[in-house]
Protein backbone atom coordinates (compact mmCIF):
# COMPACT_ATOMS: atom_id res chain seq x y z
CA UNK A 1 -48.07 50.70 7.48
CA UNK A 2 -45.82 47.64 7.87
CA UNK A 3 -48.11 46.23 10.57
CA UNK A 4 -51.14 46.70 8.34
CA UNK A 5 -49.39 44.91 5.50
CA UNK A 6 -47.89 42.02 7.48
CA UNK A 7 -49.87 41.92 10.72
CA UNK A 8 -46.60 40.87 12.41
CA UNK A 9 -45.38 42.62 15.56
CA UNK A 10 -41.68 41.70 15.19
CA UNK A 11 -41.48 42.85 11.57
CA UNK A 12 -43.33 46.09 12.28
CA UNK A 13 -41.14 46.85 15.31
CA UNK A 14 -38.03 46.14 13.23
CA UNK A 15 -39.24 48.11 10.22
CA UNK A 16 -37.07 51.12 11.00
CA UNK A 17 -34.05 48.86 11.48
CA UNK A 18 -34.77 47.01 8.25
CA UNK A 19 -35.05 50.25 6.31
CA UNK A 20 -32.16 52.04 7.99
CA UNK A 21 -29.77 49.10 8.12
CA UNK A 22 -30.88 47.09 5.13
CA UNK A 23 -27.73 48.11 3.30
CA UNK A 24 -25.55 46.89 6.18
CA UNK A 25 -27.42 43.60 6.39
CA UNK A 26 -27.24 43.08 2.63
CA UNK A 27 -23.54 43.89 2.72
CA UNK A 28 -22.96 41.36 5.52
CA UNK A 29 -24.84 38.65 3.62
CA UNK A 30 -23.00 39.43 0.39
CA UNK A 31 -19.62 39.44 2.11
CA UNK A 32 -20.47 36.15 3.83
CA UNK A 33 -21.24 34.44 0.54
CA UNK A 34 -18.17 36.01 -1.03
CA UNK A 35 -15.94 34.87 1.84
CA UNK A 36 -17.40 31.36 1.60
CA UNK A 37 -16.82 31.27 -2.16
CA UNK A 38 -13.26 32.55 -1.84
CA UNK A 39 -12.41 30.05 0.91
CA UNK A 40 -13.92 27.12 -1.01
CA UNK A 41 -12.13 28.22 -4.17
CA UNK A 42 -8.81 28.49 -2.36
CA UNK A 43 -9.26 25.08 -0.71
CA UNK A 44 -10.25 23.53 -4.05
CA UNK A 45 -7.20 24.94 -5.81
CA UNK A 46 -4.98 23.82 -2.95
CA UNK A 47 -6.37 20.28 -3.10
CA UNK A 48 -6.17 20.04 -6.90
CA UNK A 49 -2.64 21.40 -6.80
CA UNK A 50 -1.64 18.78 -4.25
CA UNK A 51 -3.20 16.05 -6.41
CA UNK A 52 -1.97 17.05 -9.88
CA UNK A 53 1.32 18.83 -9.24
CA UNK A 54 4.43 16.77 -9.88
CA UNK A 55 5.69 16.77 -6.34
CA UNK A 56 8.78 14.83 -5.22
CA UNK A 57 7.92 11.19 -4.57
CA UNK A 58 9.00 9.19 -1.57
CA UNK A 59 12.27 7.61 -2.65
CA UNK A 60 14.04 4.85 -0.81
CA UNK A 61 17.75 5.46 -1.39
CA UNK A 62 18.77 1.82 -1.50
CA UNK A 63 20.62 0.61 -4.59
CA UNK A 64 19.23 -2.53 -6.14
CA UNK A 65 21.25 -5.67 -5.77
CA UNK A 66 23.57 -6.63 -8.64
CA UNK A 67 23.55 -10.39 -8.97
CA UNK A 68 24.91 -12.78 -11.52
CA UNK A 69 22.23 -14.93 -13.01
CA UNK A 70 22.96 -18.49 -14.01
CA UNK A 71 23.13 -17.46 -17.68
CA UNK A 72 25.67 -14.74 -16.93
CA UNK A 73 23.35 -11.81 -17.38
CA UNK A 74 23.32 -9.17 -14.70
CA UNK A 75 20.16 -8.72 -12.68
CA UNK A 76 20.51 -5.00 -12.23
CA UNK A 77 17.90 -2.37 -11.65
CA UNK A 78 18.56 1.18 -12.72
CA UNK A 79 18.35 3.86 -10.08
CA UNK A 80 16.89 3.88 -6.61
CA UNK A 81 13.69 2.22 -5.55
CA UNK A 82 10.88 4.75 -5.84
CA UNK A 83 7.69 4.28 -3.89
CA UNK A 84 4.93 6.35 -5.56
CA UNK A 85 2.74 8.31 -3.20
CA UNK A 86 0.41 10.07 -5.68
CA UNK A 87 -2.78 8.03 -4.95
CA UNK A 88 -2.27 8.35 -1.21
CA UNK A 89 -1.54 12.07 -1.48
CA UNK A 90 -4.66 12.54 -3.62
CA UNK A 91 -6.90 10.75 -1.13
CA UNK A 92 -5.41 12.60 1.81
CA UNK A 93 -5.71 15.98 0.10
CA UNK A 94 -9.34 15.45 -0.95
CA UNK A 95 -10.37 14.22 2.48
CA UNK A 96 -8.76 17.16 4.26
CA UNK A 97 -10.19 19.52 1.62
CA UNK A 98 -13.72 18.27 2.26
CA UNK A 99 -13.32 18.79 5.99
CA UNK A 100 -11.86 22.28 5.51
CA UNK A 101 -14.71 23.30 3.18
CA UNK A 102 -17.35 22.16 5.67
CA UNK A 103 -15.55 23.87 8.54
CA UNK A 104 -15.16 27.13 6.60
CA UNK A 105 -18.87 27.14 5.68
CA UNK A 106 -19.90 26.67 9.30
CA UNK A 107 -17.56 29.40 10.54
CA UNK A 108 -18.69 31.92 7.90
CA UNK A 109 -22.36 31.14 8.53
CA UNK A 110 -22.03 31.54 12.29
CA UNK A 111 -20.08 34.81 12.06
CA UNK A 112 -22.47 36.25 9.45
CA UNK A 113 -25.54 35.33 11.53
CA UNK A 114 -24.06 36.94 14.64
CA UNK A 115 -23.28 40.14 12.73
CA UNK A 116 -26.83 40.29 11.30
CA UNK A 117 -28.35 39.78 14.76
CA UNK A 118 -26.12 42.55 16.10
CA UNK A 119 -27.56 44.93 13.49
CA UNK A 120 -31.02 44.25 14.92
CA UNK A 121 -29.79 45.16 18.40
CA UNK A 122 -30.14 41.65 19.76
CA UNK A 123 -28.23 41.05 22.99
CA UNK A 124 -25.70 38.41 21.98
CA UNK A 125 -24.39 37.72 25.48
CA UNK A 126 -26.99 35.08 26.47
CA UNK A 127 -26.82 33.49 23.01
CA UNK A 128 -23.05 33.14 23.14
CA UNK A 129 -23.18 31.84 26.70
CA UNK A 130 -25.84 29.28 25.78
CA UNK A 131 -23.87 28.23 22.73
CA UNK A 132 -20.81 27.75 24.92
CA UNK A 133 -22.74 25.60 27.39
CA UNK A 134 -24.26 23.52 24.59
CA UNK A 135 -20.81 23.13 23.01
CA UNK A 136 -19.35 21.88 26.28
CA UNK A 137 -22.24 19.42 26.77
CA UNK A 138 -21.94 18.12 23.21
CA UNK A 139 -18.17 17.87 23.62
CA UNK A 140 -18.54 15.69 26.71
CA UNK A 141 -21.22 13.54 25.11
CA UNK A 142 -19.39 13.09 21.81
CA UNK A 143 -15.83 13.01 23.07
CA UNK A 144 -15.20 9.61 21.47
CA UNK A 145 -16.44 10.92 18.13
CA UNK A 146 -14.27 14.03 18.45
CA UNK A 147 -11.27 11.87 19.35
CA UNK A 148 -11.87 9.67 16.30
CA UNK A 149 -12.01 12.70 14.00
CA UNK A 150 -8.92 14.33 15.49
CA UNK A 151 -6.98 11.07 15.28
CA UNK A 152 -8.10 10.64 11.67
CA UNK A 153 -6.98 14.19 10.80
CA UNK A 154 -3.53 13.69 12.29
CA UNK A 155 -3.25 10.25 10.70
CA UNK A 156 -3.93 11.74 7.27
CA UNK A 157 -1.63 14.71 7.81
CA UNK A 158 1.24 12.52 9.03
CA UNK A 159 0.68 9.95 6.24
CA UNK A 160 0.87 7.01 8.65
CA UNK A 161 -0.80 4.66 6.14
CA UNK A 162 -3.00 4.71 3.09
CA UNK A 163 -5.20 2.51 0.93
CA UNK A 164 -3.32 -0.61 -0.15
CA UNK A 165 -0.86 -0.63 2.76
CA UNK A 166 -0.43 -3.74 4.89
CA UNK A 167 -0.74 -2.61 8.50
CA UNK A 168 -1.03 -4.00 12.01
CA UNK A 169 -3.17 -1.86 14.31
CA UNK A 170 -3.26 -4.21 17.29
CA UNK A 171 -6.45 -6.21 17.35
CA UNK A 172 -6.68 -6.28 13.54
CA UNK A 173 -4.15 -6.49 10.75
CA UNK A 174 -4.43 -6.68 6.99
CA UNK A 175 -4.67 -4.60 3.84
CA UNK A 176 -6.16 -1.11 4.17
CA UNK A 177 -9.25 -0.86 1.96
CA UNK A 178 -10.57 2.56 3.02
CA UNK A 179 -9.34 5.43 5.15
CA UNK A 180 -11.75 7.94 6.68
CA UNK A 181 -11.68 10.55 9.38
CA UNK A 182 -13.55 8.28 11.81
CA UNK A 183 -13.12 4.70 10.54
CA UNK A 184 -10.30 2.73 8.91
CA UNK A 185 -11.35 -0.40 7.01
CA UNK A 186 -9.00 -3.42 6.89
CA UNK A 187 -9.30 -6.84 5.27
CA UNK A 188 -7.24 -9.59 6.86
CA UNK A 189 -5.74 -12.68 5.27
CA UNK A 190 -8.93 -14.68 5.94
CA UNK A 191 -11.04 -12.15 4.05
CA UNK A 192 -12.65 -10.67 7.17
CA UNK A 193 -13.35 -6.94 6.97
CA UNK A 194 -12.42 -4.98 10.11
CA UNK A 195 -13.78 -1.52 10.87
CA UNK A 196 -11.39 0.18 13.27
CA UNK A 197 -12.14 3.51 14.95
CA UNK A 198 -9.23 5.89 14.49
CA UNK A 199 -9.43 7.03 18.10
CA UNK A 200 -8.85 3.45 19.29
CA UNK A 201 -5.63 3.00 17.31
CA UNK A 202 -2.74 3.36 19.76
CA UNK A 203 0.02 2.14 17.45
CA UNK A 204 0.37 1.29 13.79
CA UNK A 205 2.83 -1.11 12.21
CA UNK A 206 3.08 -0.35 8.49
CA UNK A 207 4.63 -3.16 6.45
CA UNK A 208 4.45 -1.29 3.14
CA UNK A 209 6.65 1.74 3.67
CA UNK A 210 10.28 1.93 2.62
CA UNK A 211 11.56 -1.64 2.59
CA UNK A 212 10.98 -4.96 4.33
CA UNK A 213 13.14 -7.84 5.51
CA UNK A 214 12.44 -11.44 4.59
CA UNK A 215 13.46 -13.63 7.55
CA UNK A 216 14.04 -17.34 6.92
CA UNK A 217 14.63 -19.64 9.90
CA UNK A 218 16.05 -23.06 8.98
CA UNK A 219 15.75 -25.91 11.55
CA UNK A 220 18.75 -28.25 11.57
CA UNK A 221 19.79 -31.23 13.66
CA UNK A 222 22.25 -30.82 16.54
CA UNK A 223 25.00 -32.87 14.89
CA UNK A 224 24.85 -31.05 11.55
CA UNK A 225 28.07 -29.90 9.88
CA UNK A 226 27.30 -26.23 10.39
CA UNK A 227 29.95 -24.70 8.08
CA UNK A 228 28.94 -27.03 5.23
CA UNK A 229 25.23 -26.36 5.77
CA UNK A 230 25.86 -22.62 5.92
CA UNK A 231 27.75 -22.73 2.64
CA UNK A 232 24.92 -24.65 0.97
CA UNK A 233 22.37 -22.16 2.27
CA UNK A 234 24.44 -19.19 1.06
CA UNK A 235 25.04 -20.67 -2.39
CA UNK A 236 21.43 -21.69 -2.97
CA UNK A 237 20.15 -18.34 -1.71
CA UNK A 238 22.37 -16.36 -4.08
CA UNK A 239 21.25 -18.49 -6.99
CA UNK A 240 17.58 -18.23 -6.09
CA UNK A 241 17.48 -14.44 -5.59
CA UNK A 242 19.09 -14.05 -9.02
CA UNK A 243 16.12 -15.75 -10.66
CA UNK A 244 13.70 -13.72 -12.76
CA UNK A 245 10.67 -14.08 -10.47
CA UNK A 246 12.17 -12.50 -7.33
CA UNK A 247 15.32 -10.67 -8.51
CA UNK A 248 13.42 -7.40 -8.99
CA UNK A 249 12.18 -7.52 -5.40
CA UNK A 250 15.59 -7.94 -3.75
CA UNK A 251 17.33 -4.76 -2.60
CA UNK A 252 20.51 -6.04 -0.94
CA UNK A 253 22.63 -9.16 -0.88
CA UNK A 254 21.23 -11.89 1.40
CA UNK A 255 22.97 -12.31 4.73
CA UNK A 256 23.32 -15.56 6.67
CA UNK A 257 23.32 -14.41 10.29
CA UNK A 258 24.22 -17.80 11.75
CA UNK A 259 22.73 -19.80 14.58
CA UNK A 260 19.70 -18.01 15.96
CA UNK A 261 18.57 -20.53 18.57
CA UNK A 262 19.64 -23.81 20.12
CA UNK A 263 16.81 -25.91 21.54
CA UNK A 264 16.09 -29.48 22.57
CA UNK A 265 14.83 -30.30 19.07
CA UNK A 266 17.81 -28.86 17.18
CA UNK A 267 19.37 -25.60 16.11
CA UNK A 268 17.92 -22.80 14.00
CA UNK A 269 19.92 -21.06 11.29
CA UNK A 270 18.69 -17.57 10.33
CA UNK A 271 18.92 -15.89 6.94
CA UNK A 272 17.71 -12.36 6.11
CA UNK A 273 17.14 -10.55 2.82
CA UNK A 274 16.20 -6.89 2.41
CA UNK A 275 13.38 -6.66 -0.14
CA UNK A 276 10.78 -4.30 -1.53
CA UNK A 277 8.03 -3.58 1.00
CA UNK A 278 5.15 -6.02 0.72
CA UNK A 279 7.15 -8.71 -1.11
CA UNK A 280 8.84 -10.26 1.92
CA UNK A 281 6.38 -13.17 2.11
CA UNK A 282 6.83 -14.15 -1.54
CA UNK A 283 10.61 -14.08 -1.15
CA UNK A 284 10.39 -16.11 2.06
CA UNK A 285 8.32 -18.83 0.40
CA UNK A 286 10.62 -19.03 -2.62
CA UNK A 287 13.79 -19.25 -0.52
CA UNK A 288 12.29 -21.75 1.92
CA UNK A 289 11.36 -24.10 -0.93
CA UNK A 290 14.73 -23.80 -2.68
CA UNK A 291 16.83 -24.21 0.49
CA UNK A 292 14.76 -27.15 1.77
CA UNK A 293 15.26 -29.01 -1.52
CA UNK A 294 19.00 -28.27 -1.50
CA UNK A 295 19.46 -29.44 2.08
CA UNK A 296 17.56 -32.64 1.40
CA UNK A 297 19.59 -33.32 -1.75
CA UNK A 298 22.83 -32.78 0.19
CA UNK A 299 21.69 -35.11 2.99
CA UNK A 300 21.87 -32.41 5.68
CA UNK A 301 20.17 -33.83 8.81
CA UNK A 302 17.00 -32.03 9.88
CA UNK A 303 14.92 -32.33 13.06
CA UNK A 304 12.31 -35.07 12.76
CA UNK A 305 8.93 -35.39 14.52
CA UNK A 306 8.18 -39.04 15.29
CA UNK A 307 4.45 -39.93 15.15
CA UNK A 308 2.94 -40.07 18.64
CA UNK A 309 6.11 -38.84 20.33
CA UNK A 310 4.74 -35.39 20.97
CA UNK A 311 8.11 -33.76 20.58
CA UNK A 312 10.70 -32.99 17.92
CA UNK A 313 14.03 -34.77 18.18
CA UNK A 314 17.17 -34.85 16.07
CA UNK A 315 18.06 -38.20 14.52
CA UNK A 316 21.24 -39.84 15.75
CA UNK A 317 24.11 -40.06 13.31
CA UNK A 318 24.37 -43.45 11.63
């Protein structure tokens, strides 16, 4: 009767199976959709909970610097420096959630299909063996792609960097504009956009996590009065970091380390300031300008480059 209605050999031969095991097949299909829905719902709730829940933020336990401003007011910041991680956590959670939903759908579909084929009495041995061989071949052919995805997953899970961070990944460095499982997009200081495969990133230098250090190297002449110059540098630095424009970025009192290098052109005096991550360059520029003006006003000798000489020499004392 089935053959007369359908004129199909496979359907007519499987008619008894379809009638006898239709309930089992329908149950497998229903359970597959139910399992997929439950998994997607659980992943969605997990992602939304990670995004919206008030979780503890990354806090840098460094007290802000208390400085006396020129007008006598105290440049004091209340509490520790808190680095918010909500946007990064949201992006990481949604990306991982998307991957988990796709993976769960594939797994449920494959398992459900195998169970339905088993109800029809299909020999699954050759199918599974062929699938294994195909999987191995695809794995060898797409090993770079698999490595990129695995590296991207671990990068997101370990929170190595996120959108807005200033990073150095070797060949390229700049501000992170997008983070994906396969590609990380950076924009350098010249405006060039770099697309970096996650599997090719061997090391990451993140300049936006925790705190940073502004390093100022001051070139001086060999015959300079070092104690006097050091005192000028220390005084001007303390006054400058107390100013409104950079006081909120400074975390600790500046430290004059002393002579960093002695060369044929002169000596180098090094100064360091611990600042909020990402603000080290602004603090460096402000301190360089203020200290250079103070040294020039005090007549502190500096190395001079004579036109056409091709080298830097220190002027002789008069």
